[in-house]
Amino acid sequence: MGKSINSNHIQQLIAGDEAAFDLIYEAYSSKVYRLAFRFLKDAQQSEEIVQECFINLWTSREKLNALGDIWLYLYVIAKRLSLNSLRQMCQSREFSDKLVNHIATVHNDTEEDLLVSDLEQFTERIINKLPRQQQLIFRLSRVEHLTHKEIADQLQISPNTVKNHMVEALKTLKSQLQYSDLIFMLALFFWIN
């Protein structure tokens, strides 16, 4: 799903091409729905989130990066809209009771795992594009949990060089994940301080 969408489609969307918008809608609307449903546990509310999400995509299309990952952009919008909707609905006692009942009976670990997997794959693609030395230092720090001194000793470079590479790697990751919620999620998954 979404594999057929490429930078040309995003560029066409930015230019206001409705056919490109329709193609992106077809590719991602069900994923947006499942994400919203994961939060809201309500089919009608989830459908509304899908509509709002794609309206937001259309009205903000000129701000898109044609080389960016459209699913991650939609993910952030859908998550934000779902959480806002959830906050509003939770003010209602009736909804709170209904939500507790649904949460007790409906939980979909598979969808959560897929969303986490999508984000991890996107982040991994960014890491793979880092210069070789930055990539190695990032992995030693964040995956193998070595200190800057341990990395410096292992690679026979100065701790300051390790620090500089980490700063550049993190700067690249943050700029690639340009939406604020994604930076938070990156911190969650890759322990950015």
C-alpha atoms as a PDB file:
ATOM      1  CA  MET A   1       0.000   0.000   0.000  1.00  0.00           C
ATOM      2  CA  GLY A   2       1.376   3.433  -0.927  1.00  0.00           C
ATOM      3  CA  LYS A   3       4.303   1.833  -2.805  1.00  0.00           C
ATOM      4  CA  SER A   4       3.115   3.230  -6.150  1.00  0.00           C
ATOM      5  CA  ILE A   5       3.262   6.837  -4.888  1.00  0.00           C
ATOM      6  CA  ASN A   6       6.482   8.576  -5.824  1.00  0.00           C
ATOM      7  CA  SER A   7       7.953  12.081  -5.862  1.00  0.00           C
ATOM      8  CA  ASN A   8       6.326  12.813  -9.237  1.00  0.00           C
ATOM      9  CA  HIS A   9       2.878  12.232  -7.744  1.00  0.00           C
ATOM     10  CA  ILE A  10       3.725  14.478  -4.792  1.00  0.00           C
ATOM     11  CA  GLN A  11       5.038  17.162  -7.178  1.00  0.00           C
ATOM     12  CA  GLN A  12       1.784  16.915  -9.161  1.00  0.00           C
ATOM     13  CA  LEU A  13      -0.204  17.219  -5.937  1.00  0.00           C
ATOM     14  CA  ILE A  14       1.785  20.318  -4.947  1.00  0.00           C
ATOM     15  CA  ALA A  15       0.900  21.779  -8.359  1.00  0.00           C
ATOM     16  CA  GLY A  16      -2.809  21.175  -7.655  1.00  0.00           C
ATOM     17  CA  ASP A  17      -3.350  18.048  -9.759  1.00  0.00           C
ATOM     18  CA  GLU A  18      -6.594  16.454  -8.542  1.00  0.00           C
ATOM     19  CA  ALA A  19      -5.776  13.112 -10.197  1.00  0.00           C
ATOM     20  CA  ALA A  20      -2.574  12.888  -8.114  1.00  0.00           C
ATOM     21  CA  PHE A  21      -4.607  13.750  -5.010  1.00  0.00           C
ATOM     22  CA  ASP A  22      -7.108  10.975  -5.861  1.00  0.00           C
ATOM     23  CA  LEU A  23      -4.257   8.494  -6.329  1.00  0.00           C
ATOM     24  CA  ILE A  24      -2.738   9.410  -2.954  1.00  0.00           C
ATOM     25  CA  TYR A  25      -6.183   9.181  -1.339  1.00  0.00           C
ATOM     26  CA  GLU A  26      -6.687   5.692  -2.798  1.00  0.00           C
ATOM     27  CA  ALA A  27      -3.252   4.598  -1.616  1.00  0.00           C
ATOM     28  CA  TYR A  28      -3.474   5.891   1.957  1.00  0.00           C
ATOM     29  CA  SER A  29      -7.070   6.503   3.069  1.00  0.00           C
ATOM     30  CA  SER A  30      -7.491   3.026   4.569  1.00  0.00           C
ATOM     31  CA  LYS A  31      -4.210   3.359   6.501  1.00  0.00           C
ATOM     32  CA  VAL A  32      -5.339   6.751   7.841  1.00  0.00           C
ATOM     33  CA  TYR A  33      -8.681   5.196   8.797  1.00  0.00           C
ATOM     34  CA  ARG A  34      -6.989   2.337  10.701  1.00  0.00           C
ATOM     35  CA  LEU A  35      -4.738   4.794  12.521  1.00  0.00           C
ATOM     36  CA  ALA A  36      -7.697   6.976  13.534  1.00  0.00           C
ATOM     37  CA  PHE A  37      -9.705   3.934  14.570  1.00  0.00           C
ATOM     38  CA  ARG A  38      -6.828   2.757  16.741  1.00  0.00           C
ATOM     39  CA  PHE A  39      -7.211   5.967  18.754  1.00  0.00           C
ATOM     40  CA  LEU A  40     -10.952   6.593  18.555  1.00  0.00           C
ATOM     41  CA  LYS A  41     -12.489   3.095  18.393  1.00  0.00           C
ATOM     42  CA  ASP A  42     -15.367   4.648  16.449  1.00  0.00           C
ATOM     43  CA  ALA A  43     -16.028   4.085  12.731  1.00  0.00           C
ATOM     44  CA  GLN A  44     -17.864   7.373  12.073  1.00  0.00           C
ATOM     45  CA  GLN A  45     -15.298   9.495  13.908  1.00  0.00           C
ATOM     46  CA  SER A  46     -12.497   7.659  12.096  1.00  0.00           C
ATOM     47  CA  GLU A  47     -14.115   8.393   8.719  1.00  0.00           C
ATOM     48  CA  GLU A  48     -14.295  12.073   9.685  1.00  0.00           C
ATOM     49  CA  ILE A  49     -10.592  12.030  10.547  1.00  0.00           C
ATOM     50  CA  VAL A  50      -9.839  10.569   7.096  1.00  0.00           C
ATOM     51  CA  GLN A  51     -11.789  13.404   5.450  1.00  0.00           C
ATOM     52  CA  GLU A  52     -10.159  16.101   7.616  1.00  0.00           C
ATOM     53  CA  CYS A  53      -6.718  14.623   7.057  1.00  0.00           C
ATOM     54  CA  PHE A  54      -7.026  14.706   3.278  1.00  0.00           C
ATOM     55  CA  ILE A  55      -8.623  18.178   3.310  1.00  0.00           C
ATOM     56  CA  ASN A  56      -5.586  19.282   5.325  1.00  0.00           C
ATOM     57  CA  LEU A  57      -3.286  17.569   2.805  1.00  0.00           C
ATOM     58  CA  TRP A  58      -4.969  19.395  -0.089  1.00  0.00           C
ATOM     59  CA  THR A  59      -5.017  22.828   1.555  1.00  0.00           C
ATOM     60  CA  SER A  60      -1.392  22.509   2.736  1.00  0.00           C
ATOM     61  CA  ARG A  61      -0.060  20.813  -0.413  1.00  0.00           C
ATOM     62  CA  GLU A  62       2.218  23.740  -1.344  1.00  0.00           C
ATOM     63  CA  LYS A  63       4.186  23.207   1.881  1.00  0.00           C
ATOM     64  CA  LEU A  64       4.963  19.567   1.031  1.00  0.00           C
ATOM     65  CA  ASN A  65       8.432  18.327   0.190  1.00  0.00           C
ATOM     66  CA  ALA A  66       8.214  16.388  -3.092  1.00  0.00           C
ATOM     67  CA  LEU A  67      11.023  14.125  -1.896  1.00  0.00           C
ATOM     68  CA  GLY A  68       9.424  13.531   1.496  1.00  0.00           C
ATOM     69  CA  ASP A  69       7.483  10.475   2.666  1.00  0.00           C
ATOM     70  CA  ILE A  70       3.800  11.289   2.148  1.00  0.00           C
ATOM     71  CA  TRP A  71       2.650   8.532   4.521  1.00  0.00           C
ATOM     72  CA  LEU A  72       4.610  10.015   7.407  1.00  0.00           C
ATOM     73  CA  TYR A  73       3.097  13.424   6.675  1.00  0.00           C
ATOM     74  CA  LEU A  74      -0.403  11.882   6.689  1.00  0.00           C
ATOM     75  CA  TYR A  75       0.451   9.881   9.819  1.00  0.00           C
ATOM     76  CA  VAL A  76       1.318  13.033  11.740  1.00  0.00           C
ATOM     77  CA  ILE A  77      -1.822  14.872  10.598  1.00  0.00           C
ATOM     78  CA  ALA A  78      -4.097  11.893  11.339  1.00  0.00           C
ATOM     79  CA  LYS A  79      -2.516  11.320  14.743  1.00  0.00           C
ATOM     80  CA  ARG A  80      -2.882  14.978  15.710  1.00  0.00           C
ATOM     81  CA  LEU A  81      -6.502  15.140  14.505  1.00  0.00           C
ATOM     82  CA  SER A  82      -7.344  11.875  16.277  1.00  0.00           C
ATOM     83  CA  LEU A  83      -5.840  13.006  19.549  1.00  0.00           C
ATOM     84  CA  ASN A  84      -7.623  16.368  19.339  1.00  0.00           C
ATOM     85  CA  SER A  85     -10.894  14.601  18.609  1.00  0.00           C
ATOM     86  CA  LEU A  86     -10.283  12.189  21.461  1.00  0.00           C
ATOM     87  CA  ARG A  87      -9.656  15.064  23.868  1.00  0.00           C
ATOM     88  CA  GLN A  88     -12.909  16.755  22.852  1.00  0.00           C
ATOM     89  CA  MET A  89     -14.943  13.562  23.045  1.00  0.00           C
ATOM     90  CA  CYS A  90     -13.471  12.538  26.372  1.00  0.00           C
ATOM     91  CA  GLN A  91     -15.115  15.582  27.946  1.00  0.00           C
ATOM     92  CA  SER A  92     -18.376  13.672  27.503  1.00  0.00           C
ATOM     93  CA  ARG A  93     -19.093  11.155  30.280  1.00  0.00           C
ATOM     94  CA  GLU A  94     -21.081   8.937  27.905  1.00  0.00           C
ATOM     95  CA  PHE A  95     -18.169   8.761  25.504  1.00  0.00           C
ATOM     96  CA  SER A  96     -15.716   8.004  28.301  1.00  0.00           C
ATOM     97  CA  ASP A  97     -17.808   5.008  29.350  1.00  0.00           C
ATOM     98  CA  LYS A  98     -18.134   3.841  25.745  1.00  0.00           C
ATOM     99  CA  LEU A  99     -14.396   4.218  25.146  1.00  0.00           C
ATOM    100  CA  VAL A 100     -13.475   2.212  28.225  1.00  0.00           C
ATOM    101  CA  ASN A 101     -15.760  -0.604  27.024  1.00  0.00           C
ATOM    102  CA  HIS A 102     -14.283  -0.555  23.520  1.00  0.00           C
ATOM    103  CA  ILE A 103     -10.696  -0.464  24.749  1.00  0.00           C
ATOM    104  CA  ALA A 104     -11.405  -3.478  26.927  1.00  0.00           C
ATOM    105  CA  THR A 105     -12.693  -5.464  23.932  1.00  0.00           C
ATOM    106  CA  VAL A 106     -10.763  -4.102  20.935  1.00  0.00           C
ATOM    107  CA  HIS A 107      -7.000  -3.854  20.685  1.00  0.00           C
ATOM    108  CA  ASN A 108      -5.001  -4.254  17.506  1.00  0.00           C
ATOM    109  CA  ASP A 109      -1.311  -4.875  18.162  1.00  0.00           C
ATOM    110  CA  THR A 110      -0.749  -5.802  14.516  1.00  0.00           C
ATOM    111  CA  GLU A 111      -1.654  -2.335  13.207  1.00  0.00           C
ATOM    112  CA  GLU A 112       0.500  -0.696  15.875  1.00  0.00           C
ATOM    113  CA  ASP A 113       3.384  -2.949  14.890  1.00  0.00           C
ATOM    114  CA  LEU A 114       2.910  -2.025  11.210  1.00  0.00           C
ATOM    115  CA  LEU A 115       2.953   1.701  11.980  1.00  0.00           C
ATOM    116  CA  VAL A 116       6.070   1.345  14.122  1.00  0.00           C
ATOM    117  CA  SER A 117       7.658  -0.760  11.391  1.00  0.00           C
ATOM    118  CA  ASP A 118       6.864   1.916   8.755  1.00  0.00           C
ATOM    119  CA  LEU A 119       8.500   4.603  10.867  1.00  0.00           C
ATOM    120  CA  GLU A 120      11.529   2.438  11.635  1.00  0.00           C
ATOM    121  CA  GLN A 121      11.990   1.628   7.941  1.00  0.00           C
ATOM    122  CA  PHE A 122      11.789   5.315   6.990  1.00  0.00           C
ATOM    123  CA  THR A 123      14.303   6.246   9.690  1.00  0.00           C
ATOM    124  CA  GLU A 124      16.586   3.397   8.638  1.00  0.00           C
ATOM    125  CA  ARG A 125      16.554   4.730   5.052  1.00  0.00           C
ATOM    126  CA  ILE A 126      17.663   8.143   6.349  1.00  0.00           C
ATOM    127  CA  ILE A 127      20.439   6.569   8.450  1.00  0.00           C
ATOM    128  CA  ASN A 128      21.627   4.536   5.439  1.00  0.00           C
ATOM    129  CA  LYS A 129      22.077   7.788   3.481  1.00  0.00           C
ATOM    130  CA  LEU A 130      24.375   9.313   6.114  1.00  0.00           C
ATOM    131  CA  PRO A 131      28.106   9.468   5.305  1.00  0.00           C
ATOM    132  CA  ARG A 132      29.730   6.133   6.200  1.00  0.00           C
ATOM    133  CA  GLN A 133      31.604   7.388   9.267  1.00  0.00           C
ATOM    134  CA  GLN A 134      28.512   9.199  10.657  1.00  0.00           C
ATOM    135  CA  GLN A 135      26.412   6.115  10.057  1.00  0.00           C
ATOM    136  CA  LEU A 136      28.901   3.892  11.895  1.00  0.00           C
ATOM    137  CA  ILE A 137      29.208   6.283  14.836  1.00  0.00           C
ATOM    138  CA  PHE A 138      25.410   6.736  15.045  1.00  0.00           C
ATOM    139  CA  ARG A 139      24.857   2.961  15.149  1.00  0.00           C
ATOM    140  CA  LEU A 140      27.594   2.412  17.739  1.00  0.00           C
ATOM    141  CA  SER A 141      26.041   5.117  19.919  1.00  0.00           C
ATOM    142  CA  ARG A 142      22.312   4.477  19.501  1.00  0.00           C
ATOM    143  CA  VAL A 143      22.166   0.765  18.727  1.00  0.00           C
ATOM    144  CA  GLU A 144      25.136  -0.629  20.635  1.00  0.00           C
ATOM    145  CA  HIS A 145      24.891   2.076  23.345  1.00  0.00           C
ATOM    146  CA  LEU A 146      28.607   2.846  23.422  1.00  0.00           C
ATOM    147  CA  THR A 147      29.784   6.100  24.987  1.00  0.00           C
ATOM    148  CA  HIS A 148      31.571   8.703  22.890  1.00  0.00           C
ATOM    149  CA  LYS A 149      34.862   7.689  24.529  1.00  0.00           C
ATOM    150  CA  GLU A 150      34.292   3.992  23.792  1.00  0.00           C
ATOM    151  CA  ILE A 151      33.506   4.807  20.152  1.00  0.00           C
ATOM    152  CA  ALA A 152      36.584   7.058  19.916  1.00  0.00           C
ATOM    153  CA  ASP A 153      38.802   4.276  21.329  1.00  0.00           C
ATOM    154  CA  GLN A 154      37.301   1.656  19.006  1.00  0.00           C
ATOM    155  CA  LEU A 155      37.648   3.818  15.876  1.00  0.00           C
ATOM    156  CA  GLN A 156      40.921   5.445  16.989  1.00  0.00           C
ATOM    157  CA  ILE A 157      39.572   8.982  16.663  1.00  0.00           C
ATOM    158  CA  SER A 158      39.050  11.756  19.206  1.00  0.00           C
ATOM    159  CA  PRO A 159      35.893  11.900  21.366  1.00  0.00           C
ATOM    160  CA  ASN A 160      35.330  15.382  19.921  1.00  0.00           C
ATOM    161  CA  THR A 161      35.223  13.937  16.389  1.00  0.00           C
ATOM    162  CA  VAL A 162      32.670  11.375  17.601  1.00  0.00           C
ATOM    163  CA  LYS A 163      30.591  14.173  19.106  1.00  0.00           C
ATOM    164  CA  ASN A 164      30.751  16.218  15.890  1.00  0.00           C
ATOM    165  CA  HIS A 165      29.626  13.236  13.805  1.00  0.00           C
ATOM    166  CA  MET A 166      26.721  12.577  16.191  1.00  0.00           C
ATOM    167  CA  VAL A 167      25.643  16.226  16.065  1.00  0.00           C
ATOM    168  CA  GLU A 168      25.661  16.149  12.248  1.00  0.00           C
ATOM    169  CA  ALA A 169      23.844  12.796  12.082  1.00  0.00           C
ATOM    170  CA  LEU A 170      21.123  13.991  14.465  1.00  0.00           C
ATOM    171  CA  LYS A 171      20.813  17.283  12.574  1.00  0.00           C
ATOM    172  CA  THR A 172      20.284  15.334   9.330  1.00  0.00           C
ATOM    173  CA  LEU A 173      17.684  13.076  10.942  1.00  0.00           C
ATOM    174  CA  LYS A 174      15.799  16.030  12.401  1.00  0.00           C
ATOM    175  CA  SER A 175      15.799  17.929   9.110  1.00  0.00           C
ATOM    176  CA  GLN A 176      14.565  14.870   7.199  1.00  0.00           C
ATOM    177  CA  LEU A 177      11.808  14.339   9.729  1.00  0.00           C
ATOM    178  CA  GLN A 178      10.666  17.915   9.371  1.00  0.00           C
ATOM    179  CA  TYR A 179       7.333  17.596  11.164  1.00  0.00           C
ATOM    180  CA  SER A 180       7.558  18.173  14.924  1.00  0.00           C
ATOM    181  CA  ASP A 181       5.665  15.026  15.884  1.00  0.00           C
ATOM    182  CA  LEU A 182       8.089  12.949  13.859  1.00  0.00           C
ATOM    183  CA  ILE A 183      11.028  14.387  15.778  1.00  0.00           C
ATOM    184  CA  PHE A 184       9.280  13.284  18.967  1.00  0.00           C
ATOM    185  CA  MET A 185       8.702   9.803  17.520  1.00  0.00           C
ATOM    186  CA  LEU A 186      12.308   9.611  16.382  1.00  0.00           C
ATOM    187  CA  ALA A 187      13.364  10.432  19.915  1.00  0.00           C
ATOM    188  CA  LEU A 188      11.169   7.630  21.160  1.00  0.00           C
ATOM    189  CA  PHE A 189      12.550   5.061  18.736  1.00  0.00           C
ATOM    190  CA  PHE A 190      16.185   6.120  18.521  1.00  0.00           C
ATOM    191  CA  TRP A 191      16.750   7.777  21.903  1.00  0.00           C
ATOM    192  CA  ILE A 192      17.656  11.267  20.742  1.00  0.00           C
ATOM    193  CA  ASN A 193      18.324  13.409  23.801  1.00  0.00           C
END
